[in-house]
PDB file of N, CA and C in Angstrom:
ATOM      1  N   MET A   1       7.126  67.065 -44.759  1.00  0.00           N
ATOM      2  CA  MET A   1       6.861  66.849 -43.401  1.00  0.00           C
ATOM      3  C   MET A   1       8.131  66.426 -42.705  1.00  0.00           C
ATOM      4  N   LYS A   2       8.321  66.828 -41.469  1.00  0.00           N
ATOM      5  CA  LYS A   2       9.469  66.442 -40.758  1.00  0.00           C
ATOM      6  C   LYS A   2       9.099  65.571 -39.537  1.00  0.00           C
ATOM      7  N   HIS A   3       9.820  64.483 -39.389  1.00  0.00           N
ATOM      8  CA  HIS A   3       9.665  63.504 -38.280  1.00  0.00           C
ATOM      9  C   HIS A   3      11.007  63.258 -37.691  1.00  0.00           C
ATOM     10  N   GLY A   4      11.301  63.845 -36.561  1.00  0.00           N
ATOM     11  CA  GLY A   4      12.631  63.756 -35.986  1.00  0.00           C
ATOM     12  C   GLY A   4      13.624  64.538 -36.857  1.00  0.00           C
ATOM     13  N   ASN A   5      14.664  63.822 -37.303  1.00  0.00           N
ATOM     14  CA  ASN A   5      15.651  64.451 -38.220  1.00  0.00           C
ATOM     15  C   ASN A   5      15.445  64.007 -39.645  1.00  0.00           C
ATOM     16  N   VAL A   6      14.329  63.453 -39.971  1.00  0.00           N
ATOM     17  CA  VAL A   6      14.018  62.957 -41.332  1.00  0.00           C
ATOM     18  C   VAL A   6      12.920  63.829 -41.955  1.00  0.00           C
ATOM     19  N   ARG A   7      13.092  64.245 -43.211  1.00  0.00           N
ATOM     20  CA  ARG A   7      12.098  64.986 -43.915  1.00  0.00           C
ATOM     21  C   ARG A   7      11.630  64.164 -45.079  1.00  0.00           C
ATOM     22  N   GLU A   8      10.287  64.064 -45.245  1.00  0.00           N
ATOM     23  CA  GLU A   8       9.679  63.332 -46.343  1.00  0.00           C
ATOM     24  C   GLU A   8       8.677  64.209 -47.049  1.00  0.00           C
ATOM     25  N   ASN A   9       8.648  64.148 -48.409  1.00  0.00           N
ATOM     26  CA  ASN A   9       7.660  64.880 -49.180  1.00  0.00           C
ATOM     27  C   ASN A   9       6.305  64.292 -48.930  1.00  0.00           C
ATOM     28  N   ALA A  10       5.311  65.164 -48.653  1.00  0.00           N
ATOM     29  CA  ALA A  10       3.965  64.678 -48.436  1.00  0.00           C
ATOM     30  C   ALA A  10       3.012  65.686 -49.079  1.00  0.00           C
ATOM     31  N   LEU A  11       1.854  65.232 -49.506  1.00  0.00           N
ATOM     32  CA  LEU A  11       0.892  66.048 -50.201  1.00  0.00           C
ATOM     33  C   LEU A  11      -0.482  65.852 -49.653  1.00  0.00           C
ATOM     34  N   GLU A  12      -1.242  66.898 -49.508  1.00  0.00           N
ATOM     35  CA  GLU A  12      -2.621  66.787 -49.037  1.00  0.00           C
ATOM     36  C   GLU A  12      -3.506  67.615 -49.933  1.00  0.00           C
ATOM     37  N   VAL A  13      -4.539  66.987 -50.568  1.00  0.00           N
ATOM     38  CA  VAL A  13      -5.489  67.714 -51.409  1.00  0.00           C
ATOM     39  C   VAL A  13      -6.563  68.272 -50.484  1.00  0.00           C
ATOM     40  N   LEU A  14      -6.685  69.604 -50.452  1.00  0.00           N
ATOM     41  CA  LEU A  14      -7.668  70.253 -49.560  1.00  0.00           C
ATOM     42  C   LEU A  14      -9.043  70.408 -50.218  1.00  0.00           C
ATOM     43  N   LYS A  15      -9.057  70.625 -51.521  1.00  0.00           N
ATOM     44  CA  LYS A  15     -10.399  70.751 -52.205  1.00  0.00           C
ATOM     45  C   LYS A  15     -10.250  70.382 -53.641  1.00  0.00           C
ATOM     46  N   LEU A  16     -11.128  69.585 -54.115  1.00  0.00           N
ATOM     47  CA  LEU A  16     -11.168  69.193 -55.503  1.00  0.00           C
ATOM     48  C   LEU A  16     -12.637  69.376 -55.974  1.00  0.00           C
ATOM     49  N   THR A  17     -12.904  70.357 -56.792  1.00  0.00           N
ATOM     50  CA  THR A  17     -14.270  70.700 -57.192  1.00  0.00           C
ATOM     51  C   THR A  17     -14.915  69.602 -58.019  1.00  0.00           C
ATOM     52  N   GLY A  18     -16.104  69.173 -57.588  1.00  0.00           N
ATOM     53  CA  GLY A  18     -16.891  68.263 -58.375  1.00  0.00           C
ATOM     54  C   GLY A  18     -16.463  66.791 -58.357  1.00  0.00           C
ATOM     55  N   ALA A  19     -15.519  66.439 -57.499  1.00  0.00           N
ATOM     56  CA  ALA A  19     -15.069  65.046 -57.419  1.00  0.00           C
ATOM     57  C   ALA A  19     -14.730  64.683 -55.996  1.00  0.00           C
ATOM     58  N   SER A  20     -14.934  63.396 -55.656  1.00  0.00           N
ATOM     59  CA  SER A  20     -14.528  62.969 -54.347  1.00  0.00           C
ATOM     60  C   SER A  20     -13.038  62.613 -54.355  1.00  0.00           C
ATOM     61  N   HIS A  21     -12.410  62.676 -53.230  1.00  0.00           N
ATOM     62  CA  HIS A  21     -11.013  62.280 -53.136  1.00  0.00           C
ATOM     63  C   HIS A  21     -10.719  61.858 -51.685  1.00  0.00           C
ATOM     64  N   GLN A  22      -9.631  61.152 -51.517  1.00  0.00           N
ATOM     65  CA  GLN A  22      -9.217  60.681 -50.170  1.00  0.00           C
ATOM     66  C   GLN A  22      -8.789  61.919 -49.346  1.00  0.00           C
ATOM     67  N   LYS A  23      -9.191  61.991 -48.112  1.00  0.00           N
ATOM     68  CA  LYS A  23      -8.797  63.075 -47.255  1.00  0.00           C
ATOM     69  C   LYS A  23      -7.684  62.632 -46.338  1.00  0.00           C
ATOM     70  N   LYS A  24      -6.521  62.435 -46.875  1.00  0.00           N
ATOM     71  CA  LYS A  24      -5.383  62.032 -46.093  1.00  0.00           C
ATOM     72  C   LYS A  24      -4.101  62.578 -46.687  1.00  0.00           C
ATOM     73  N   ILE A  25      -3.011  62.566 -45.982  1.00  0.00           N
ATOM     74  CA  ILE A  25      -1.729  63.015 -46.463  1.00  0.00           C
ATOM     75  C   ILE A  25      -1.037  61.824 -47.073  1.00  0.00           C
ATOM     76  N   VAL A  26      -0.462  61.965 -48.268  1.00  0.00           N
ATOM     77  CA  VAL A  26       0.153  60.877 -48.985  1.00  0.00           C
ATOM     78  C   VAL A  26       1.594  61.246 -49.403  1.00  0.00           C
ATOM     79  N   ALA A  27       2.423  60.233 -49.582  1.00  0.00           N
ATOM     80  CA  ALA A  27       3.781  60.443 -50.039  1.00  0.00           C
ATOM     81  C   ALA A  27       3.821  60.755 -51.537  1.00  0.00           C
ATOM     82  N   TYR A  28       4.777  61.517 -51.985  1.00  0.00           N
ATOM     83  CA  TYR A  28       4.993  61.755 -53.412  1.00  0.00           C
ATOM     84  C   TYR A  28       6.433  61.964 -53.718  1.00  0.00           C
ATOM     85  N   GLN A  29       6.782  61.891 -54.981  1.00  0.00           N
ATOM     86  CA  GLN A  29       8.128  62.086 -55.450  1.00  0.00           C
ATOM     87  C   GLN A  29       8.132  62.949 -56.674  1.00  0.00           C
ATOM     88  N   LEU A  30       9.122  63.879 -56.751  1.00  0.00           N
ATOM     89  CA  LEU A  30       9.231  64.750 -57.924  1.00  0.00           C
ATOM     90  C   LEU A  30      10.302  64.123 -58.840  1.00  0.00           C
ATOM     91  N   THR A  31       9.910  63.724 -60.040  1.00  0.00           N
ATOM     92  CA  THR A  31      10.837  63.076 -60.994  1.00  0.00           C
ATOM     93  C   THR A  31      10.786  63.753 -62.345  1.00  0.00           C
ATOM     94  N   GLY A  32      10.520  65.041 -62.338  1.00  0.00           N
ATOM     95  CA  GLY A  32      10.186  65.722 -63.610  1.00  0.00           C
ATOM     96  C   GLY A  32       8.675  65.830 -63.769  1.00  0.00           C
ATOM     97  N   HIS A  33       8.036  64.941 -63.100  1.00  0.00           N
ATOM     98  CA  HIS A  33       6.537  64.893 -62.891  1.00  0.00           C
ATOM     99  C   HIS A  33       6.287  64.703 -61.437  1.00  0.00           C
ATOM    100  N   ILE A  34       5.059  64.795 -61.049  1.00  0.00           N
ATOM    101  CA  ILE A  34       4.687  64.459 -59.631  1.00  0.00           C
ATOM    102  C   ILE A  34       4.160  63.022 -59.637  1.00  0.00           C
ATOM    103  N   VAL A  35       4.856  62.118 -58.883  1.00  0.00           N
ATOM    104  CA  VAL A  35       4.402  60.710 -58.757  1.00  0.00           C
ATOM    105  C   VAL A  35       3.857  60.605 -57.337  1.00  0.00           C
ATOM    106  N   VAL A  36       2.546  60.276 -57.251  1.00  0.00           N
ATOM    107  CA  VAL A  36       1.847  60.185 -55.947  1.00  0.00           C
ATOM    108  C   VAL A  36       1.701  58.744 -55.545  1.00  0.00           C
ATOM    109  N   TYR A  37       1.973  58.452 -54.296  1.00  0.00           N
ATOM    110  CA  TYR A  37       1.851  57.081 -53.772  1.00  0.00           C
ATOM    111  C   TYR A  37       0.708  57.052 -52.742  1.00  0.00           C
ATOM    112  N   PRO A  38      -0.542  56.922 -53.233  1.00  0.00           N
ATOM    113  CA  PRO A  38      -1.708  57.049 -52.303  1.00  0.00           C
ATOM    114  C   PRO A  38      -1.802  55.902 -51.266  1.00  0.00           C
ATOM    115  N   ASP A  39      -1.201  54.758 -51.519  1.00  0.00           N
ATOM    116  CA  ASP A  39      -1.315  53.663 -50.582  1.00  0.00           C
ATOM    117  C   ASP A  39      -0.166  53.601 -49.596  1.00  0.00           C
ATOM    118  N   GLN A  40       0.848  54.439 -49.796  1.00  0.00           N
ATOM    119  CA  GLN A  40       2.019  54.445 -48.899  1.00  0.00           C
ATOM    120  C   GLN A  40       1.786  55.438 -47.804  1.00  0.00           C
ATOM    121  N   GLU A  41       1.938  54.978 -46.528  1.00  0.00           N
ATOM    122  CA  GLU A  41       1.827  55.862 -45.411  1.00  0.00           C
ATOM    123  C   GLU A  41       3.026  56.755 -45.320  1.00  0.00           C
ATOM    124  N   VAL A  42       2.851  58.005 -44.899  1.00  0.00           N
ATOM    125  CA  VAL A  42       3.989  58.929 -44.725  1.00  0.00           C
ATOM    126  C   VAL A  42       4.791  58.396 -43.539  1.00  0.00           C
ATOM    127  N   PHE A  43       6.101  58.314 -43.703  1.00  0.00           N
ATOM    128  CA  PHE A  43       7.100  57.825 -42.699  1.00  0.00           C
ATOM    129  C   PHE A  43       6.905  56.345 -42.380  1.00  0.00           C
ATOM    130  N   SER A  44       6.263  55.578 -43.250  1.00  0.00           N
ATOM    131  CA  SER A  44       6.073  54.121 -42.969  1.00  0.00           C
ATOM    132  C   SER A  44       7.336  53.337 -43.164  1.00  0.00           C
ATOM    133  N   GLU A  45       8.287  53.778 -44.013  1.00  0.00           N
ATOM    134  CA  GLU A  45       9.465  52.990 -44.356  1.00  0.00           C
ATOM    135  C   GLU A  45      10.699  53.447 -43.538  1.00  0.00           C
ATOM    136  N   MET A  46      10.541  54.080 -42.373  1.00  0.00           N
ATOM    137  CA  MET A  46      11.681  54.623 -41.647  1.00  0.00           C
ATOM    138  C   MET A  46      11.880  53.908 -40.371  1.00  0.00           C
TER     139      MET A  46
END
């Protein structure tokens, strides 16, 4: 996602069969794996 001249990785799960999930966009980081930060707001630390 882009906010002004800053770009931040964000992830939104649109459908997850058979399970409930939070319906919001969350920050993530690629470190060889996907690390998801569900409690961090996107663009909160800028």
